[in-house]
Amino acid sequence: MNTTTQTIKTTTLAIDGMTCGHCVQAVTKALSAVPGVKIQSVAVGSAVIETADGGTTGKAVAALGEAGYPAKAPADVPVTAATTPVRSGGGCCGGAKNAMPGGAPGAKASGGCCG
C-alpha cells in the first residue's frame, strides 16, 4: 500500500498596497481563488496561509500581484510571480483611482470603496 504524506507549510506573506478592511476583503478573495491555499488570517499588510508546497505559495503571490497587491514570501519559498505583471496603482484604495483605464491621474473612481 502506498501512502503519501503531505507536509503543510504555514507562510506569512508581506503584502503592499493594503490600507483598509476593503483591501483585506479583496486579498481574501484573491487568495481564496488559488487552489491548494488555506487562509489562516488576513490583516492590513499581511496574510498567513497554509499550503502543501512552495509552488502553491508562488501562485498565491502571483494572484495577489494580479489583484493589485504586490506580495513577498519568505526567501526559502520559490515564487514564480516575477513574470506576472502587477496591476499598476495598487489595491482598492491606495491607487486604484489612478489606474482606471482612460482615467486622468487623481480622478475618482465611481463606486470606489474609500475615495
C-alpha atoms as a PDB file:
ATOM      1  CA  MET A   1       0.000   0.000   0.000  1.00  0.00           C
ATOM      2  CA  ASN A   2       1.399   3.377  -0.999  1.00  0.00           C
ATOM      3  CA  THR A   3       0.784   6.238   1.343  1.00  0.00           C
ATOM      4  CA  THR A   4       1.872   9.755   0.695  1.00  0.00           C
ATOM      5  CA  THR A   5       2.271  12.275   3.438  1.00  0.00           C
ATOM      6  CA  GLN A   6       1.841  15.919   2.588  1.00  0.00           C
ATOM      7  CA  THR A   7       3.662  18.465   4.641  1.00  0.00           C
ATOM      8  CA  ILE A   8       1.533  21.506   5.279  1.00  0.00           C
ATOM      9  CA  LYS A   9       3.551  24.693   5.418  1.00  0.00           C
ATOM     10  CA  THR A  10       2.388  27.883   7.108  1.00  0.00           C
ATOM     11  CA  THR A  11       3.677  31.017   5.392  1.00  0.00           C
ATOM     12  CA  THR A  12       3.278  34.681   6.266  1.00  0.00           C
ATOM     13  CA  LEU A  13       3.108  36.878   3.169  1.00  0.00           C
ATOM     14  CA  ALA A  14       4.036  40.565   3.340  1.00  0.00           C
ATOM     15  CA  ILE A  15       1.533  42.457   1.179  1.00  0.00           C
ATOM     16  CA  ASP A  16       1.882  46.029  -0.103  1.00  0.00           C
ATOM     17  CA  GLY A  17      -0.962  48.343  -1.073  1.00  0.00           C
ATOM     18  CA  MET A  18      -3.424  47.376   1.651  1.00  0.00           C
ATOM     19  CA  THR A  19      -4.946  50.285   3.566  1.00  0.00           C
ATOM     20  CA  CYS A  20      -8.343  49.197   4.902  1.00  0.00           C
ATOM     21  CA  GLY A  21     -10.869  46.465   5.511  1.00  0.00           C
ATOM     22  CA  HIS A  22     -11.937  46.517   1.875  1.00  0.00           C
ATOM     23  CA  CYS A  23      -8.370  45.659   0.910  1.00  0.00           C
ATOM     24  CA  VAL A  24      -8.473  42.761   3.380  1.00  0.00           C
ATOM     25  CA  GLN A  25     -11.624  41.510   1.642  1.00  0.00           C
ATOM     26  CA  ALA A  26     -10.027  41.837  -1.810  1.00  0.00           C
ATOM     27  CA  VAL A  27      -6.901  39.964  -0.706  1.00  0.00           C
ATOM     28  CA  THR A  28      -9.015  37.259   0.937  1.00  0.00           C
ATOM     29  CA  LYS A  29     -10.995  36.854  -2.289  1.00  0.00           C
ATOM     30  CA  ALA A  30      -7.822  36.642  -4.408  1.00  0.00           C
ATOM     31  CA  LEU A  31      -6.254  34.041  -2.098  1.00  0.00           C
ATOM     32  CA  SER A  32      -9.493  32.034  -1.919  1.00  0.00           C
ATOM     33  CA  ALA A  33      -9.366  31.574  -5.685  1.00  0.00           C
ATOM     34  CA  VAL A  34      -5.973  29.811  -5.562  1.00  0.00           C
ATOM     35  CA  PRO A  35      -6.328  26.013  -5.393  1.00  0.00           C
ATOM     36  CA  GLY A  36      -4.355  24.500  -2.520  1.00  0.00           C
ATOM     37  CA  VAL A  37      -4.300  27.655  -0.380  1.00  0.00           C
ATOM     38  CA  LYS A  38      -5.959  27.639   3.021  1.00  0.00           C
ATOM     39  CA  ILE A  39      -6.229  31.091   4.590  1.00  0.00           C
ATOM     40  CA  GLN A  40      -5.374  31.320   8.270  1.00  0.00           C
ATOM     41  CA  SER A  41      -5.741  35.098   8.564  1.00  0.00           C
ATOM     42  CA  VAL A  42      -5.586  38.303   6.552  1.00  0.00           C
ATOM     43  CA  ALA A  43      -4.792  41.713   8.026  1.00  0.00           C
ATOM     44  CA  VAL A  44      -3.692  45.013   6.539  1.00  0.00           C
ATOM     45  CA  GLY A  45      -0.169  44.330   5.245  1.00  0.00           C
ATOM     46  CA  SER A  46      -0.024  40.554   5.659  1.00  0.00           C
ATOM     47  CA  ALA A  47      -1.687  37.199   5.226  1.00  0.00           C
ATOM     48  CA  VAL A  48      -0.973  33.863   6.856  1.00  0.00           C
ATOM     49  CA  ILE A  49      -1.673  30.926   4.552  1.00  0.00           C
ATOM     50  CA  GLU A  50      -1.232  27.158   4.603  1.00  0.00           C
ATOM     51  CA  THR A  51      -0.050  25.312   1.505  1.00  0.00           C
ATOM     52  CA  ALA A  52       1.143  21.820   0.682  1.00  0.00           C
ATOM     53  CA  ASP A  53       4.132  23.063  -1.329  1.00  0.00           C
ATOM     54  CA  GLY A  54       6.122  26.189  -2.195  1.00  0.00           C
ATOM     55  CA  GLY A  55       4.767  26.267  -5.737  1.00  0.00           C
ATOM     56  CA  THR A  56       1.310  26.940  -4.398  1.00  0.00           C
ATOM     57  CA  THR A  57       2.717  29.794  -2.330  1.00  0.00           C
ATOM     58  CA  GLY A  58       4.173  31.243  -5.517  1.00  0.00           C
ATOM     59  CA  LYS A  59       0.752  31.013  -7.159  1.00  0.00           C
ATOM     60  CA  ALA A  60      -0.760  32.866  -4.201  1.00  0.00           C
ATOM     61  CA  VAL A  61       1.833  35.641  -4.557  1.00  0.00           C
ATOM     62  CA  ALA A  62       1.113  35.835  -8.295  1.00  0.00           C
ATOM     63  CA  ALA A  63      -2.654  36.035  -7.688  1.00  0.00           C
ATOM     64  CA  LEU A  64      -2.155  38.896  -5.246  1.00  0.00           C
ATOM     65  CA  GLY A  65       0.025  40.744  -7.765  1.00  0.00           C
ATOM     66  CA  GLU A  66      -2.660  40.344 -10.422  1.00  0.00           C
ATOM     67  CA  ALA A  67      -5.202  41.746  -7.948  1.00  0.00           C
ATOM     68  CA  GLY A  68      -3.027  44.832  -7.427  1.00  0.00           C
ATOM     69  CA  TYR A  69      -1.373  43.832  -4.153  1.00  0.00           C
ATOM     70  CA  PRO A  70       2.352  43.120  -4.582  1.00  0.00           C
ATOM     71  CA  ALA A  71       3.302  40.412  -2.091  1.00  0.00           C
ATOM     72  CA  LYS A  72       6.516  38.837  -0.869  1.00  0.00           C
ATOM     73  CA  ALA A  73       7.017  35.364   0.521  1.00  0.00           C
ATOM     74  CA  PRO A  74       9.934  34.269   2.689  1.00  0.00           C
ATOM     75  CA  ALA A  75      13.168  33.767   0.749  1.00  0.00           C
ATOM     76  CA  ASP A  76      13.017  29.965   1.016  1.00  0.00           C
ATOM     77  CA  VAL A  77       9.767  29.733  -0.969  1.00  0.00           C
ATOM     78  CA  PRO A  78      10.113  29.547  -4.762  1.00  0.00           C
ATOM     79  CA  VAL A  79       7.997  32.338  -6.222  1.00  0.00           C
ATOM     80  CA  THR A  80       7.212  32.427  -9.915  1.00  0.00           C
ATOM     81  CA  ALA A  81       5.440  35.769  -9.717  1.00  0.00           C
ATOM     82  CA  ALA A  82       8.412  37.683 -11.131  1.00  0.00           C
ATOM     83  CA  THR A  83       6.977  37.270 -14.619  1.00  0.00           C
ATOM     84  CA  THR A  84       3.452  38.143 -13.535  1.00  0.00           C
ATOM     85  CA  PRO A  85       2.667  41.803 -14.171  1.00  0.00           C
ATOM     86  CA  VAL A  86       1.367  43.677 -11.157  1.00  0.00           C
ATOM     87  CA  ARG A  87      -1.621  45.904 -11.838  1.00  0.00           C
ATOM     88  CA  SER A  88      -0.404  49.452 -11.511  1.00  0.00           C
ATOM     89  CA  GLY A  89      -1.927  51.673  -8.916  1.00  0.00           C
ATOM     90  CA  GLY A  90      -2.104  49.247  -6.013  1.00  0.00           C
ATOM     91  CA  GLY A  91      -5.195  47.858  -4.404  1.00  0.00           C
ATOM     92  CA  CYS A  92      -8.704  49.143  -3.955  1.00  0.00           C
ATOM     93  CA  CYS A  93      -7.876  52.347  -2.087  1.00  0.00           C
ATOM     94  CA  GLY A  94      -4.219  53.265  -2.460  1.00  0.00           C
ATOM     95  CA  GLY A  95      -4.111  53.911  -6.143  1.00  0.00           C
ATOM     96  CA  ALA A  96      -6.907  52.150  -7.933  1.00  0.00           C
ATOM     97  CA  LYS A  97      -8.352  55.586  -8.724  1.00  0.00           C
ATOM     98  CA  ASN A  98      -5.228  56.353 -10.723  1.00  0.00           C
ATOM     99  CA  ALA A  99      -5.249  53.010 -12.514  1.00  0.00           C
ATOM    100  CA  MET A 100      -8.628  53.441 -14.187  1.00  0.00           C
ATOM    101  CA  PRO A 101      -8.461  52.844 -17.929  1.00  0.00           C
ATOM    102  CA  GLY A 102      -8.645  56.171 -19.681  1.00  0.00           C
ATOM    103  CA  GLY A 103      -8.880  57.975 -16.368  1.00  0.00           C
ATOM    104  CA  ALA A 104      -6.828  61.000 -15.550  1.00  0.00           C
ATOM    105  CA  PRO A 105      -4.398  60.660 -12.657  1.00  0.00           C
ATOM    106  CA  GLY A 106      -6.171  61.620  -9.460  1.00  0.00           C
ATOM    107  CA  ALA A 107      -9.653  61.111 -10.923  1.00  0.00           C
ATOM    108  CA  LYS A 108     -12.080  59.488  -8.545  1.00  0.00           C
ATOM    109  CA  ALA A 109     -13.259  56.010  -9.367  1.00  0.00           C
ATOM    110  CA  SER A 110     -17.013  55.755  -9.392  1.00  0.00           C
ATOM    111  CA  GLY A 111     -18.156  53.312  -6.765  1.00  0.00           C
ATOM    112  CA  GLY A 112     -14.719  53.199  -5.149  1.00  0.00           C
ATOM    113  CA  CYS A 113     -14.575  51.895  -1.633  1.00  0.00           C
ATOM    114  CA  CYS A 114     -12.697  54.688   0.138  1.00  0.00           C
ATOM    115  CA  GLY A 115     -12.343  57.547  -2.216  1.00  0.00           C
END
